[in-house]
Amino acid sequence: MAKIVMYCTEICPYCVRAEHLLQRKGIKDIEKIRIDLQPEMRDLMIEKTGRRTVPQIFINGQHVGGYDDMAALDRAGKLDTMLANNL
């Protein structure tokens, strides 16, 4: 299975939606980086993505964006392929 890393906060409806979408796709292991608990990680997230909002999702090291971006990949039929690739 793909390696998923998600920058998130505890109270974030888009983070919850992203997690649920991934779970529906069979992903059980999501590495969550809680920027509300580790504020220094917010700066790293911004540096890596150029974005300030959560979630920020990486699949196998590739930044796919936030929930809306990942949902768009799913609608386009591209998310399953990304999740199936192991690196």
PDB file of N, CA and C in Angstrom:
ATOM      1  N   MET A   1       0.834  -1.193   0.000  1.00  0.00           N
ATOM      2  CA  MET A   1       0.000   0.000   0.000  1.00  0.00           C
ATOM      3  C   MET A   1       0.876   1.252   0.000  1.00  0.00           C
ATOM      4  N   ALA A   2       0.285   2.308  -0.412  1.00  0.00           N
ATOM      5  CA  ALA A   2       0.984   3.584  -0.482  1.00  0.00           C
ATOM      6  C   ALA A   2       1.286   4.125   0.916  1.00  0.00           C
ATOM      7  N   LYS A   3       2.338   4.934   0.990  1.00  0.00           N
ATOM      8  CA  LYS A   3       2.673   5.610   2.242  1.00  0.00           C
ATOM      9  C   LYS A   3       1.993   6.969   2.221  1.00  0.00           C
ATOM     10  N   ILE A   4       1.149   7.216   3.229  1.00  0.00           N
ATOM     11  CA  ILE A   4       0.384   8.457   3.314  1.00  0.00           C
ATOM     12  C   ILE A   4       0.880   9.273   4.500  1.00  0.00           C
ATOM     13  N   VAL A   5       1.171  10.539   4.241  1.00  0.00           N
ATOM     14  CA  VAL A   5       1.511  11.490   5.293  1.00  0.00           C
ATOM     15  C   VAL A   5       0.522  12.642   5.170  1.00  0.00           C
ATOM     16  N   MET A   6      -0.094  13.008   6.294  1.00  0.00           N
ATOM     17  CA  MET A   6      -1.074  14.087   6.272  1.00  0.00           C
ATOM     18  C   MET A   6      -0.789  15.073   7.398  1.00  0.00           C
ATOM     19  N   TYR A   7      -0.532  16.311   7.016  1.00  0.00           N
ATOM     20  CA  TYR A   7      -0.437  17.391   7.990  1.00  0.00           C
ATOM     21  C   TYR A   7      -1.866  17.777   8.338  1.00  0.00           C
ATOM     22  N   CYS A   8      -2.167  17.838   9.644  1.00  0.00           N
ATOM     23  CA  CYS A   8      -3.544  18.071  10.055  1.00  0.00           C
ATOM     24  C   CYS A   8      -3.595  18.729  11.430  1.00  0.00           C
ATOM     25  N   THR A   9      -4.815  19.027  11.857  1.00  0.00           N
ATOM     26  CA  THR A   9      -5.088  19.479  13.218  1.00  0.00           C
ATOM     27  C   THR A   9      -6.214  18.607  13.769  1.00  0.00           C
ATOM     28  N   GLU A  10      -6.432  18.704  15.068  1.00  0.00           N
ATOM     29  CA  GLU A  10      -7.468  17.869  15.684  1.00  0.00           C
ATOM     30  C   GLU A  10      -8.858  18.240  15.193  1.00  0.00           C
ATOM     31  N   ILE A  11      -9.148  19.536  15.165  1.00  0.00           N
ATOM     32  CA  ILE A  11     -10.489  19.976  14.800  1.00  0.00           C
ATOM     33  C   ILE A  11     -10.430  20.587  13.408  1.00  0.00           C
ATOM     34  N   CYS A  12     -10.603  19.742  12.422  1.00  0.00           N
ATOM     35  CA  CYS A  12     -10.532  20.166  11.023  1.00  0.00           C
ATOM     36  C   CYS A  12     -11.443  19.262  10.219  1.00  0.00           C
ATOM     37  N   PRO A  13     -12.597  19.771   9.769  1.00  0.00           N
ATOM     38  CA  PRO A  13     -13.522  18.908   9.041  1.00  0.00           C
ATOM     39  C   PRO A  13     -12.940  18.363   7.737  1.00  0.00           C
ATOM     40  N   TYR A  14     -12.074  19.123   7.073  1.00  0.00           N
ATOM     41  CA  TYR A  14     -11.477  18.629   5.834  1.00  0.00           C
ATOM     42  C   TYR A  14     -10.460  17.527   6.104  1.00  0.00           C
ATOM     43  N   CYS A  15      -9.798  17.593   7.256  1.00  0.00           N
ATOM     44  CA  CYS A  15      -8.883  16.516   7.643  1.00  0.00           C
ATOM     45  C   CYS A  15      -9.662  15.221   7.871  1.00  0.00           C
ATOM     46  N   VAL A  16     -10.806  15.332   8.526  1.00  0.00           N
ATOM     47  CA  VAL A  16     -11.652  14.165   8.782  1.00  0.00           C
ATOM     48  C   VAL A  16     -12.158  13.595   7.458  1.00  0.00           C
ATOM     49  N   ARG A  17     -12.588  14.463   6.548  1.00  0.00           N
ATOM     50  CA  ARG A  17     -13.063  14.000   5.234  1.00  0.00           C
ATOM     51  C   ARG A  17     -11.950  13.288   4.471  1.00  0.00           C
ATOM     52  N   ALA A  18     -10.751  13.860   4.521  1.00  0.00           N
ATOM     53  CA  ALA A  18      -9.617  13.238   3.825  1.00  0.00           C
ATOM     54  C   ALA A  18      -9.337  11.852   4.394  1.00  0.00           C
ATOM     55  N   GLU A  19      -9.338  11.749   5.709  1.00  0.00           N
ATOM     56  CA  GLU A  19      -9.085  10.456   6.350  1.00  0.00           C
ATOM     57  C   GLU A  19     -10.159   9.443   5.969  1.00  0.00           C
ATOM     58  N   HIS A  20     -11.409   9.864   5.961  1.00  0.00           N
ATOM     59  CA  HIS A  20     -12.498   8.952   5.604  1.00  0.00           C
ATOM     60  C   HIS A  20     -12.398   8.506   4.148  1.00  0.00           C
ATOM     61  N   LEU A  21     -12.036   9.408   3.253  1.00  0.00           N
ATOM     62  CA  LEU A  21     -11.871   9.030   1.849  1.00  0.00           C
ATOM     63  C   LEU A  21     -10.768   7.987   1.710  1.00  0.00           C
ATOM     64  N   LEU A  22      -9.654   8.219   2.379  1.00  0.00           N
ATOM     65  CA  LEU A  22      -8.554   7.257   2.318  1.00  0.00           C
ATOM     66  C   LEU A  22      -8.957   5.912   2.918  1.00  0.00           C
ATOM     67  N   GLN A  23      -9.700   5.939   4.012  1.00  0.00           N
ATOM     68  CA  GLN A  23     -10.157   4.689   4.627  1.00  0.00           C
ATOM     69  C   GLN A  23     -11.096   3.926   3.699  1.00  0.00           C
ATOM     70  N   ARG A  24     -11.966   4.656   2.988  1.00  0.00           N
ATOM     71  CA  ARG A  24     -12.857   4.000   2.025  1.00  0.00           C
ATOM     72  C   ARG A  24     -12.063   3.350   0.893  1.00  0.00           C
ATOM     73  N   LYS A  25     -10.872   3.870   0.642  1.00  0.00           N
ATOM     74  CA  LYS A  25     -10.004   3.312  -0.397  1.00  0.00           C
ATOM     75  C   LYS A  25      -9.139   2.175   0.144  1.00  0.00           C
ATOM     76  N   GLY A  26      -9.329   1.824   1.418  1.00  0.00           N
ATOM     77  CA  GLY A  26      -8.602   0.704   2.001  1.00  0.00           C
ATOM     78  C   GLY A  26      -7.321   1.082   2.726  1.00  0.00           C
ATOM     79  N   ILE A  27      -7.060   2.369   2.859  1.00  0.00           N
ATOM     80  CA  ILE A  27      -5.860   2.829   3.563  1.00  0.00           C
ATOM     81  C   ILE A  27      -6.129   2.800   5.057  1.00  0.00           C
ATOM     82  N   LYS A  28      -5.320   2.057   5.769  1.00  0.00           N
ATOM     83  CA  LYS A  28      -5.496   1.941   7.213  1.00  0.00           C
ATOM     84  C   LYS A  28      -4.436   2.720   7.986  1.00  0.00           C
ATOM     85  N   ASP A  29      -3.285   2.919   7.367  1.00  0.00           N
ATOM     86  CA  ASP A  29      -2.167   3.554   8.060  1.00  0.00           C
ATOM     87  C   ASP A  29      -1.890   4.924   7.452  1.00  0.00           C
ATOM     88  N   ILE A  30      -2.206   5.967   8.205  1.00  0.00           N
ATOM     89  CA  ILE A  30      -1.954   7.342   7.789  1.00  0.00           C
ATOM     90  C   ILE A  30      -1.051   7.968   8.835  1.00  0.00           C
ATOM     91  N   GLU A  31       0.108   8.429   8.395  1.00  0.00           N
ATOM     92  CA  GLU A  31       1.003   9.142   9.308  1.00  0.00           C
ATOM     93  C   GLU A  31       0.501  10.574   9.429  1.00  0.00           C
ATOM     94  N   LYS A  32      -0.001  10.907  10.607  1.00  0.00           N
ATOM     95  CA  LYS A  32      -0.550  12.241  10.828  1.00  0.00           C
ATOM     96  C   LYS A  32       0.480  13.105  11.546  1.00  0.00           C
ATOM     97  N   ILE A  33       0.711  14.265  10.991  1.00  0.00           N
ATOM     98  CA  ILE A  33       1.581  15.250  11.621  1.00  0.00           C
ATOM     99  C   ILE A  33       0.668  16.364  12.113  1.00  0.00           C
ATOM    100  N   ARG A  34       0.476  16.405  13.422  1.00  0.00           N
ATOM    101  CA  ARG A  34      -0.451  17.353  14.035  1.00  0.00           C
ATOM    102  C   ARG A  34       0.249  18.690  14.261  1.00  0.00           C
ATOM    103  N   ILE A  35      -0.047  19.649  13.399  1.00  0.00           N
ATOM    104  CA  ILE A  35       0.619  20.944  13.523  1.00  0.00           C
ATOM    105  C   ILE A  35       0.055  21.769  14.668  1.00  0.00           C
ATOM    106  N   ASP A  36      -1.095  21.373  15.221  1.00  0.00           N
ATOM    107  CA  ASP A  36      -1.597  22.059  16.406  1.00  0.00           C
ATOM    108  C   ASP A  36      -0.821  21.629  17.649  1.00  0.00           C
ATOM    109  N   LEU A  37      -0.268  20.426  17.639  1.00  0.00           N
ATOM    110  CA  LEU A  37       0.538  19.937  18.763  1.00  0.00           C
ATOM    111  C   LEU A  37       2.027  20.204  18.563  1.00  0.00           C
ATOM    112  N   GLN A  38       2.432  20.341  17.314  1.00  0.00           N
ATOM    113  CA  GLN A  38       3.831  20.585  16.964  1.00  0.00           C
ATOM    114  C   GLN A  38       3.900  21.818  16.058  1.00  0.00           C
ATOM    115  N   PRO A  39       3.821  23.017  16.634  1.00  0.00           N
ATOM    116  CA  PRO A  39       3.772  24.238  15.823  1.00  0.00           C
ATOM    117  C   PRO A  39       4.964  24.398  14.872  1.00  0.00           C
ATOM    118  N   GLU A  40       6.114  23.863  15.233  1.00  0.00           N
ATOM    119  CA  GLU A  40       7.282  23.972  14.363  1.00  0.00           C
ATOM    120  C   GLU A  40       7.076  23.202  13.055  1.00  0.00           C
ATOM    121  N   MET A  41       6.183  22.230  13.070  1.00  0.00           N
ATOM    122  CA  MET A  41       5.910  21.462  11.864  1.00  0.00           C
ATOM    123  C   MET A  41       5.075  22.254  10.856  1.00  0.00           C
ATOM    124  N   ARG A  42       4.352  23.277  11.331  1.00  0.00           N
ATOM    125  CA  ARG A  42       3.590  24.140  10.413  1.00  0.00           C
ATOM    126  C   ARG A  42       4.544  24.831   9.446  1.00  0.00           C
ATOM    127  N   ASP A  43       5.664  25.346   9.977  1.00  0.00           N
ATOM    128  CA  ASP A  43       6.643  26.009   9.109  1.00  0.00           C
ATOM    129  C   ASP A  43       7.201  25.037   8.074  1.00  0.00           C
ATOM    130  N   LEU A  44       7.467  23.809   8.483  1.00  0.00           N
ATOM    131  CA  LEU A  44       7.959  22.792   7.553  1.00  0.00           C
ATOM    132  C   LEU A  44       6.908  22.486   6.484  1.00  0.00           C
ATOM    133  N   MET A  45       5.654  22.384   6.897  1.00  0.00           N
ATOM    134  CA  MET A  45       4.566  22.128   5.957  1.00  0.00           C
ATOM    135  C   MET A  45       4.482  23.246   4.922  1.00  0.00           C
ATOM    136  N   ILE A  46       4.549  24.488   5.379  1.00  0.00           N
ATOM    137  CA  ILE A  46       4.468  25.637   4.469  1.00  0.00           C
ATOM    138  C   ILE A  46       5.655  25.636   3.510  1.00  0.00           C
ATOM    139  N   GLU A  47       6.833  25.314   4.038  1.00  0.00           N
ATOM    140  CA  GLU A  47       8.028  25.258   3.202  1.00  0.00           C
ATOM    141  C   GLU A  47       7.899  24.178   2.126  1.00  0.00           C
ATOM    142  N   LYS A  48       7.354  23.013   2.496  1.00  0.00           N
ATOM    143  CA  LYS A  48       7.240  21.894   1.560  1.00  0.00           C
ATOM    144  C   LYS A  48       6.133  22.095   0.525  1.00  0.00           C
ATOM    145  N   THR A  49       5.042  22.753   0.933  1.00  0.00           N
ATOM    146  CA  THR A  49       3.854  22.806   0.078  1.00  0.00           C
ATOM    147  C   THR A  49       3.542  24.185  -0.480  1.00  0.00           C
ATOM    148  N   GLY A  50       4.028  25.227   0.189  1.00  0.00           N
ATOM    149  CA  GLY A  50       3.645  26.579  -0.197  1.00  0.00           C
ATOM    150  C   GLY A  50       2.236  26.939   0.249  1.00  0.00           C
ATOM    151  N   ARG A  51       1.641  26.093   1.065  1.00  0.00           N
ATOM    152  CA  ARG A  51       0.266  26.304   1.538  1.00  0.00           C
ATOM    153  C   ARG A  51       0.234  26.390   3.055  1.00  0.00           C
ATOM    154  N   ARG A  52      -0.775  27.108   3.560  1.00  0.00           N
ATOM    155  CA  ARG A  52      -0.891  27.332   4.995  1.00  0.00           C
ATOM    156  C   ARG A  52      -2.044  26.555   5.633  1.00  0.00           C
ATOM    157  N   THR A  53      -2.893  25.944   4.822  1.00  0.00           N
ATOM    158  CA  THR A  53      -4.084  25.284   5.350  1.00  0.00           C
ATOM    159  C   THR A  53      -3.881  23.776   5.464  1.00  0.00           C
ATOM    160  N   VAL A  54      -4.697  23.165   6.310  1.00  0.00           N
ATOM    161  CA  VAL A  54      -4.681  21.719   6.461  1.00  0.00           C
ATOM    162  C   VAL A  54      -6.001  21.167   5.949  1.00  0.00           C
ATOM    163  N   PRO A  55      -6.009  19.926   5.524  1.00  0.00           N
ATOM    164  CA  PRO A  55      -4.880  19.013   5.478  1.00  0.00           C
ATOM    165  C   PRO A  55      -3.984  19.286   4.276  1.00  0.00           C
ATOM    166  N   GLN A  56      -2.751  18.852   4.385  1.00  0.00           N
ATOM    167  CA  GLN A  56      -1.826  18.767   3.258  1.00  0.00           C
ATOM    168  C   GLN A  56      -1.408  17.308   3.203  1.00  0.00           C
ATOM    169  N   ILE A  57      -1.646  16.684   2.067  1.00  0.00           N
ATOM    170  CA  ILE A  57      -1.534  15.239   1.946  1.00  0.00           C
ATOM    171  C   ILE A  57      -0.422  14.867   0.965  1.00  0.00           C
ATOM    172  N   PHE A  58       0.376  13.894   1.380  1.00  0.00           N
ATOM    173  CA  PHE A  58       1.434  13.347   0.542  1.00  0.00           C
ATOM    174  C   PHE A  58       1.162  11.862   0.346  1.00  0.00           C
ATOM    175  N   ILE A  59       1.250  11.405  -0.902  1.00  0.00           N
ATOM    176  CA  ILE A  59       1.119   9.990  -1.216  1.00  0.00           C
ATOM    177  C   ILE A  59       2.445   9.561  -1.825  1.00  0.00           C
ATOM    178  N   ASN A  60       3.113   8.627  -1.131  1.00  0.00           N
ATOM    179  CA  ASN A  60       4.440   8.164  -1.562  1.00  0.00           C
ATOM    180  C   ASN A  60       5.389   9.331  -1.809  1.00  0.00           C
ATOM    181  N   GLY A  61       5.326  10.323  -0.926  1.00  0.00           N
ATOM    182  CA  GLY A  61       6.228  11.464  -1.013  1.00  0.00           C
ATOM    183  C   GLY A  61       5.798  12.545  -1.982  1.00  0.00           C
ATOM    184  N   GLN A  62       4.745  12.307  -2.736  1.00  0.00           N
ATOM    185  CA  GLN A  62       4.260  13.296  -3.703  1.00  0.00           C
ATOM    186  C   GLN A  62       3.138  14.112  -3.076  1.00  0.00           C
ATOM    187  N   HIS A  63       3.294  15.427  -3.079  1.00  0.00           N
ATOM    188  CA  HIS A  63       2.260  16.306  -2.531  1.00  0.00           C
ATOM    189  C   HIS A  63       1.066  16.318  -3.474  1.00  0.00           C
ATOM    190  N   VAL A  64      -0.108  15.963  -2.934  1.00  0.00           N
ATOM    191  CA  VAL A  64      -1.317  15.983  -3.753  1.00  0.00           C
ATOM    192  C   VAL A  64      -2.218  17.148  -3.392  1.00  0.00           C
ATOM    193  N   GLY A  65      -1.899  17.869  -2.323  1.00  0.00           N
ATOM    194  CA  GLY A  65      -2.698  19.023  -1.925  1.00  0.00           C
ATOM    195  C   GLY A  65      -3.564  18.707  -0.729  1.00  0.00           C
ATOM    196  N   GLY A  66      -4.703  19.406  -0.682  1.00  0.00           N
ATOM    197  CA  GLY A  66      -5.640  19.222   0.415  1.00  0.00           C
ATOM    198  C   GLY A  66      -6.742  18.243   0.057  1.00  0.00           C
ATOM    199  N   TYR A  67      -7.787  18.252   0.875  1.00  0.00           N
ATOM    200  CA  TYR A  67      -8.899  17.319   0.651  1.00  0.00           C
ATOM    201  C   TYR A  67      -9.536  17.533  -0.718  1.00  0.00           C
ATOM    202  N   ASP A  68      -9.826  18.792  -1.068  1.00  0.00           N
ATOM    203  CA  ASP A  68     -10.484  19.062  -2.354  1.00  0.00           C
ATOM    204  C   ASP A  68      -9.653  18.555  -3.522  1.00  0.00           C
ATOM    205  N   ASP A  69      -8.332  18.724  -3.431  1.00  0.00           N
ATOM    206  CA  ASP A  69      -7.438  18.253  -4.489  1.00  0.00           C
ATOM    207  C   ASP A  69      -7.478  16.728  -4.589  1.00  0.00           C
ATOM    208  N   MET A  70      -7.441  16.066  -3.438  1.00  0.00           N
ATOM    209  CA  MET A  70      -7.455  14.611  -3.430  1.00  0.00           C
ATOM    210  C   MET A  70      -8.803  14.084  -3.927  1.00  0.00           C
ATOM    211  N   ALA A  71      -9.904  14.730  -3.538  1.00  0.00           N
ATOM    212  CA  ALA A  71     -11.225  14.318  -4.003  1.00  0.00           C
ATOM    213  C   ALA A  71     -11.333  14.497  -5.523  1.00  0.00           C
ATOM    214  N   ALA A  72     -10.723  15.552  -6.054  1.00  0.00           N
ATOM    215  CA  ALA A  72     -10.728  15.774  -7.504  1.00  0.00           C
ATOM    216  C   ALA A  72      -9.948  14.661  -8.210  1.00  0.00           C
ATOM    217  N   LEU A  73      -8.829  14.244  -7.624  1.00  0.00           N
ATOM    218  CA  LEU A  73      -8.077  13.117  -8.189  1.00  0.00           C
ATOM    219  C   LEU A  73      -8.936  11.854  -8.202  1.00  0.00           C
ATOM    220  N   ASP A  74      -9.704  11.665  -7.136  1.00  0.00           N
ATOM    221  CA  ASP A  74     -10.570  10.494  -7.054  1.00  0.00           C
ATOM    222  C   ASP A  74     -11.638  10.550  -8.141  1.00  0.00           C
ATOM    223  N   ARG A  75     -12.274  11.700  -8.308  1.00  0.00           N
ATOM    224  CA  ARG A  75     -13.312  11.842  -9.338  1.00  0.00           C
ATOM    225  C   ARG A  75     -12.738  11.628 -10.740  1.00  0.00           C
ATOM    226  N   ALA A  76     -11.478  12.012 -10.932  1.00  0.00           N
ATOM    227  CA  ALA A  76     -10.826  11.853 -12.238  1.00  0.00           C
ATOM    228  C   ALA A  76     -10.305  10.429 -12.457  1.00  0.00           C
ATOM    229  N   GLY A  77     -10.445   9.579 -11.433  1.00  0.00           N
ATOM    230  CA  GLY A  77     -10.000   8.197 -11.564  1.00  0.00           C
ATOM    231  C   GLY A  77      -8.500   8.002 -11.378  1.00  0.00           C
ATOM    232  N   LYS A  78      -7.815   8.989 -10.812  1.00  0.00           N
ATOM    233  CA  LYS A  78      -6.364   8.917 -10.663  1.00  0.00           C
ATOM    234  C   LYS A  78      -5.904   8.513  -9.264  1.00  0.00           C
ATOM    235  N   LEU A  79      -6.769   8.666  -8.274  1.00  0.00           N
ATOM    236  CA  LEU A  79      -6.360   8.400  -6.890  1.00  0.00           C
ATOM    237  C   LEU A  79      -6.054   6.922  -6.669  1.00  0.00           C
ATOM    238  N   ASP A  80      -6.875   6.034  -7.198  1.00  0.00           N
ATOM    239  CA  ASP A  80      -6.656   4.595  -6.994  1.00  0.00           C
ATOM    240  C   ASP A  80      -5.287   4.162  -7.509  1.00  0.00           C
ATOM    241  N   THR A  81      -4.888   4.703  -8.646  1.00  0.00           N
ATOM    242  CA  THR A  81      -3.575   4.365  -9.209  1.00  0.00           C
ATOM    243  C   THR A  81      -2.461   4.843  -8.285  1.00  0.00           C
ATOM    244  N   MET A  82      -2.591   6.065  -7.781  1.00  0.00           N
ATOM    245  CA  MET A  82      -1.575   6.596  -6.872  1.00  0.00           C
ATOM    246  C   MET A  82      -1.484   5.742  -5.615  1.00  0.00           C
ATOM    247  N   LEU A  83      -2.620   5.333  -5.086  1.00  0.00           N
ATOM    248  CA  LEU A  83      -2.633   4.547  -3.847  1.00  0.00           C
ATOM    249  C   LEU A  83      -2.116   3.127  -4.070  1.00  0.00           C
ATOM    250  N   ALA A  84      -2.253   2.624  -5.270  1.00  0.00           N
ATOM    251  CA  ALA A  84      -1.796   1.257  -5.571  1.00  0.00           C
ATOM    252  C   ALA A  84      -0.286   1.181  -5.757  1.00  0.00           C
ATOM    253  N   ASN A  85       0.342   2.305  -6.079  1.00  0.00           N
ATOM    254  CA  ASN A  85       1.784   2.303  -6.325  1.00  0.00           C
ATOM    255  C   ASN A  85       2.535   2.267  -5.008  1.00  0.00           C
ATOM    256  N   ASN A  86       3.447   1.332  -4.901  1.00  0.00           N
ATOM    257  CA  ASN A  86       4.302   1.228  -3.721  1.00  0.00           C
ATOM    258  C   ASN A  86       5.668   1.796  -4.068  1.00  0.00           C
ATOM    259  N   LEU A  87       6.208   2.584  -3.162  1.00  0.00           N
ATOM    260  CA  LEU A  87       7.558   3.115  -3.375  1.00  0.00           C
ATOM    261  C   LEU A  87       8.453   2.713  -2.236  1.00  0.00           C
TER     262      LEU A  87
END
